[in-house]
């Protein structure tokens, strides 16, 4: 089981940026599909990923609402998954979870992910 730990969340004004990080010790990220998923306030975690990246830094899949603003990447040397979030809007508010899995589908879905972090809260508000 992969122990994932997210960080980087916080309060940001609309139009601002944040970079989320997720450490994944002990695994070769090139062998895993990785993703970020969101749980909006008062709602369940969304089944479709916000941003996902296939095995060996392969294909990406982004929700339409974040295309061109969010970017997912990995640094295998640091065992870290990133989510760069730019031009944030209030509707981006939520708890962001990172996840890893051995399978890849498009669109990216939570049920193909095997391991999850506990989440980091992002609040976009003026």
Foldseek 3Di string as FASTA:
>chain_A
DWAKAKDWADEAAAQAKIKMKIATPDDQQLQKKKFKWWDAPPGDIDFFTQKIAGHNRHDIAHDPVQPPFWDWDDDRVRRMIMIIGGRDDQVVWGWMKMFIANDDDPRHGPVRTDDIYPTDTHGYHD
